[in-house]
Amino acid sequence: MPEKSLHAALKHWYAEPGDEIEQRVEGYIVDIVRGELLIEIQTRSFSAIRRKLATLAEHHPVRLVYPIVQDKWIVRMSADGKTRIGRRKSPRRGRIEDVFEELVSVPGLLALPNFTLELLLVQAEEIRRDDGRGSWRRKGWSVHDHRLLEVLERRLFLTPADFRALLPAGLPAPFTTGDLAAAVNCSRDLAQKMAYCLRAMGTIEVAGKRRAAWLYLVRR
């Protein structure tokens, strides 16, 4: 599968002088090798590279770099991709907490001593083509590519305890996922994924139940 624009641009942005690009390590192609550190840039599902990361982390320090699109512009192109039809900004804004949508499939990785995660908040364009191959929700328009516009912020998580900073101040003790959703201003579904991951990392622990809701306490 050809490399997508967003992945290629992030690899170029992240690389430093002296880095080795696209190197084979233990049977896997690694995006960037920086001395002993293996850096993998993933723009899609974490589950697709779970085995690769776990295997490499057995003997090497591994960093997963993941972009979260804070601001997105949708660019509509003709079916052949040659003529731009329009461009508009999506009303949806990404946020750091969105990473739990992916982490929920690989929470155990963050407990590995050789594994670290770096999140990039970015601005990007989503390129769509009027080719009739897309979903009915997009009325047949297909997503052809994503283009990096700018990296706005980077956050490095070296240990599971670093994720504690994502828990908002003022959470009751103990708290429910409903409390967490209200404090973070996110959906209950995302709050449940946050709680699942943080519990798997050992950052929070179950403290009982209140009616049908689990209660959690932050571990210090």
Protein backbone atom coordinates (compact mmCIF):
# COMPACT_ATOMS: atom_id res chain seq x y z
CA MET A 1 0.00 0.00 0.00
CA PRO A 2 1.47 3.39 -0.99
CA GLU A 3 2.45 5.70 1.86
CA LYS A 4 -0.21 8.32 2.59
CA SER A 5 0.63 12.03 2.60
CA LEU A 6 -0.01 12.58 6.32
CA HIS A 7 2.27 9.74 7.36
CA ALA A 8 5.05 10.85 5.01
CA ALA A 9 4.80 14.48 6.16
CA LEU A 10 4.91 13.55 9.84
CA LYS A 11 7.89 11.31 9.29
CA HIS A 12 9.72 14.18 7.59
CA TRP A 13 8.67 16.64 10.33
CA TYR A 14 9.68 14.33 13.17
CA ALA A 15 13.03 13.16 11.79
CA GLU A 16 16.26 14.70 13.10
CA PRO A 17 19.75 14.80 11.57
CA GLY A 18 21.39 11.43 12.03
CA ASP A 19 18.13 9.47 12.10
CA GLU A 20 17.82 6.39 9.91
CA ILE A 21 14.58 6.12 7.94
CA GLU A 22 12.66 2.94 7.07
CA GLN A 23 15.05 0.48 8.68
CA ARG A 24 14.42 -3.25 9.17
CA VAL A 25 14.56 -4.34 12.82
CA GLU A 26 13.70 -7.88 13.88
CA GLY A 27 11.77 -8.48 10.67
CA TYR A 28 9.77 -5.23 10.84
CA ILE A 29 10.23 -1.97 8.93
CA VAL A 30 10.56 0.85 11.46
CA ASP A 31 9.78 4.43 10.40
CA ILE A 32 12.66 6.12 12.25
CA VAL A 33 15.65 4.70 14.13
CA ARG A 34 17.25 7.28 16.43
CA GLY A 35 20.20 5.57 18.07
CA GLU A 36 18.64 2.85 20.22
CA LEU A 37 15.15 4.40 20.03
CA LEU A 38 12.70 2.96 17.49
CA ILE A 39 10.02 5.44 16.42
CA GLU A 40 6.81 4.33 14.75
CA ILE A 41 4.35 6.88 13.35
CA GLN A 42 0.79 5.63 13.19
CA THR A 43 -2.05 7.63 11.69
CA ARG A 44 -4.71 4.93 11.97
CA SER A 45 -5.64 1.98 14.20
CA PHE A 46 -3.31 1.01 17.04
CA SER A 47 -4.59 -2.56 16.92
CA ALA A 48 -3.07 -2.98 13.45
CA ILE A 49 0.46 -2.61 14.86
CA ARG A 50 -0.07 -3.99 18.38
CA ARG A 51 2.01 -7.13 17.79
CA LYS A 52 4.77 -5.19 16.05
CA LEU A 53 5.12 -2.72 18.92
CA ALA A 54 4.97 -5.37 21.64
CA THR A 55 7.60 -7.49 19.89
CA LEU A 56 10.00 -4.60 19.31
CA ALA A 57 9.53 -3.32 22.88
CA GLU A 58 10.83 -6.62 24.26
CA HIS A 59 14.40 -5.64 23.37
CA HIS A 60 14.31 -1.97 22.29
CA PRO A 61 12.95 1.36 23.52
CA VAL A 62 9.94 2.07 21.28
CA ARG A 63 8.02 5.31 20.80
CA LEU A 64 4.65 5.46 19.11
CA VAL A 65 3.85 8.85 17.57
CA TYR A 66 0.17 9.51 16.91
CA PRO A 67 -1.43 12.64 15.41
CA ILE A 68 -4.79 13.91 16.60
CA VAL A 69 -6.41 16.31 14.17
CA GLN A 70 -7.53 19.32 16.19
CA ASP A 71 -8.66 21.34 13.17
CA LYS A 72 -9.65 19.78 9.86
CA TRP A 73 -10.52 21.26 6.50
CA ILE A 74 -12.44 19.12 4.00
CA VAL A 75 -11.30 19.60 0.42
CA ARG A 76 -13.64 18.28 -2.29
CA MET A 77 -12.05 17.21 -5.56
CA SER A 78 -13.37 15.87 -8.83
CA ALA A 79 -13.30 12.11 -9.42
CA ASP A 80 -9.92 12.28 -11.16
CA GLY A 81 -8.45 14.45 -8.41
CA LYS A 82 -7.50 17.28 -10.78
CA THR A 83 -10.15 19.91 -10.07
CA ARG A 84 -10.88 21.37 -6.64
CA ILE A 85 -14.61 21.85 -6.11
CA GLY A 86 -14.64 23.35 -2.63
CA ARG A 87 -13.06 23.61 0.81
CA ARG A 88 -14.72 23.98 4.22
CA LYS A 89 -13.68 23.66 7.85
CA SER A 90 -15.13 20.76 9.81
CA PRO A 91 -16.99 21.81 12.97
CA ARG A 92 -15.47 18.90 14.89
CA ARG A 93 -12.33 19.66 16.92
CA GLY A 94 -10.02 16.91 18.04
CA ARG A 95 -8.50 16.79 21.52
CA ILE A 96 -5.81 14.88 23.40
CA GLU A 97 -8.41 12.66 25.11
CA ASP A 98 -9.40 11.26 21.70
CA VAL A 99 -6.35 8.98 21.93
CA PHE A 100 -8.35 6.71 24.24
CA GLU A 101 -10.47 5.70 21.24
CA GLU A 102 -7.35 3.86 20.05
CA LEU A 103 -5.69 3.05 23.38
CA VAL A 104 -8.71 0.99 24.40
CA SER A 105 -7.48 -1.75 22.05
CA VAL A 106 -3.88 -1.75 23.39
CA PRO A 107 -3.88 -0.55 27.02
CA GLY A 108 -1.26 -3.10 28.03
CA LEU A 109 1.39 -1.48 25.83
CA LEU A 110 1.67 1.47 28.17
CA ALA A 111 2.68 -0.80 31.02
CA LEU A 112 5.73 -2.04 29.07
CA PRO A 113 8.89 -0.38 30.42
CA ASN A 114 10.33 0.16 26.92
CA PHE A 115 7.20 1.78 25.45
CA THR A 116 6.40 5.50 25.27
CA LEU A 117 3.72 7.48 23.46
CA GLU A 118 3.91 10.92 21.89
CA LEU A 119 0.76 12.71 20.76
CA LEU A 120 0.75 15.49 18.18
CA LEU A 121 -2.13 17.93 17.89
CA VAL A 122 -2.23 18.93 14.23
CA GLN A 123 -4.15 20.82 11.60
CA ALA A 124 -4.84 18.85 8.43
CA GLU A 125 -6.84 18.66 5.23
CA GLU A 126 -9.02 15.69 4.35
CA ILE A 127 -9.10 15.16 0.59
CA ARG A 128 -12.35 13.74 -0.78
CA ARG A 129 -13.15 12.71 -4.33
CA ASP A 130 -16.53 12.60 -6.06
CA ASP A 131 -15.97 9.08 -7.39
CA GLY A 132 -19.05 7.27 -6.09
CA ARG A 133 -16.95 4.89 -4.00
CA GLY A 134 -17.51 6.46 -0.59
CA SER A 135 -20.12 5.69 2.05
CA TRP A 136 -23.73 6.72 1.80
CA ARG A 137 -23.12 9.16 4.66
CA ARG A 138 -20.76 11.09 2.39
CA LYS A 139 -23.13 10.61 -0.57
CA GLY A 140 -20.56 8.55 -2.45
CA TRP A 141 -17.60 10.85 -1.84
CA SER A 142 -14.52 8.85 -0.84
CA VAL A 143 -11.71 9.95 1.47
CA HIS A 144 -8.63 9.84 -0.74
CA ASP A 145 -5.91 11.29 1.48
CA HIS A 146 -4.98 13.52 4.42
CA ARG A 147 -2.45 16.35 4.27
CA LEU A 148 -0.56 17.85 7.18
CA LEU A 149 -0.88 21.64 7.51
CA GLU A 150 0.75 22.32 10.88
CA VAL A 151 1.80 20.65 14.13
CA LEU A 152 0.32 22.71 16.98
CA GLU A 153 1.40 20.84 20.09
CA ARG A 154 3.24 17.71 21.19
CA ARG A 155 2.74 15.73 24.40
CA LEU A 156 5.07 12.94 25.51
CA PHE A 157 3.85 10.20 27.86
CA LEU A 158 6.79 8.29 29.30
CA THR A 159 4.94 6.26 31.95
CA PRO A 160 1.32 5.39 32.76
CA ALA A 161 1.47 7.92 35.59
CA ASP A 162 1.87 10.71 33.00
CA PHE A 163 -1.73 10.07 31.94
CA ARG A 164 -2.86 11.17 35.38
CA ALA A 165 -2.48 14.76 34.15
CA LEU A 166 -5.43 14.16 31.79
CA LEU A 167 -7.75 13.71 34.76
CA PRO A 168 -9.34 17.10 35.48
CA ALA A 169 -8.98 18.82 38.82
CA GLY A 170 -12.08 18.72 40.97
CA LEU A 171 -13.10 15.13 40.24
CA PRO A 172 -14.96 13.72 43.23
CA ALA A 173 -13.27 10.93 45.14
CA PRO A 174 -14.44 8.38 44.28
CA PHE A 175 -15.81 9.22 40.82
CA THR A 176 -17.93 7.53 38.15
CA THR A 177 -17.52 7.64 34.39
CA GLY A 178 -20.48 10.01 34.41
CA ASP A 179 -18.51 12.35 36.67
CA LEU A 180 -15.50 12.01 34.37
CA ALA A 181 -17.55 12.73 31.24
CA ALA A 182 -18.97 15.89 32.81
CA ALA A 183 -15.58 17.11 34.04
CA VAL A 184 -13.80 16.45 30.72
CA ASN A 185 -16.82 17.59 28.66
CA CYS A 186 -16.85 14.45 26.56
CA SER A 187 -19.26 11.62 25.79
CA ARG A 188 -19.96 8.90 28.34
CA ASP A 189 -18.58 6.39 25.84
CA LEU A 190 -15.21 8.15 25.69
CA ALA A 191 -15.13 8.51 29.49
CA GLN A 192 -15.71 4.76 29.82
CA LYS A 193 -12.79 4.10 27.47
CA MET A 194 -10.62 6.49 29.47
CA ALA A 195 -11.50 4.69 32.70
CA TYR A 196 -10.84 1.27 31.15
CA CYS A 197 -7.40 2.32 29.90
CA LEU A 198 -6.39 4.17 33.07
CA ARG A 199 -7.41 1.18 35.16
CA ALA A 200 -5.42 -1.18 32.90
CA MET A 201 -2.38 1.11 33.30
CA GLY A 202 -2.75 1.13 37.09
CA THR A 203 -3.43 4.89 37.21
CA ILE A 204 -6.88 4.47 38.76
CA GLU A 205 -8.46 1.63 40.70
CA VAL A 206 -11.97 0.37 41.36
CA ALA A 207 -13.36 1.49 44.72
CA GLY A 208 -16.76 -0.18 44.64
CA LYS A 209 -20.12 0.54 43.01
CA ARG A 210 -22.86 3.10 43.37
CA ARG A 211 -26.05 1.47 42.14
CA ALA A 212 -25.01 0.25 38.65
CA ALA A 213 -22.00 2.57 38.27
CA TRP A 214 -18.43 1.62 39.09
CA LEU A 215 -16.55 3.94 41.41
CA TYR A 216 -12.90 4.83 40.81
CA LEU A 217 -10.08 6.36 42.82
CA VAL A 218 -6.89 7.92 41.47
CA ARG A 219 -3.79 6.02 42.58
CA ARG A 220 -0.93 8.19 43.82
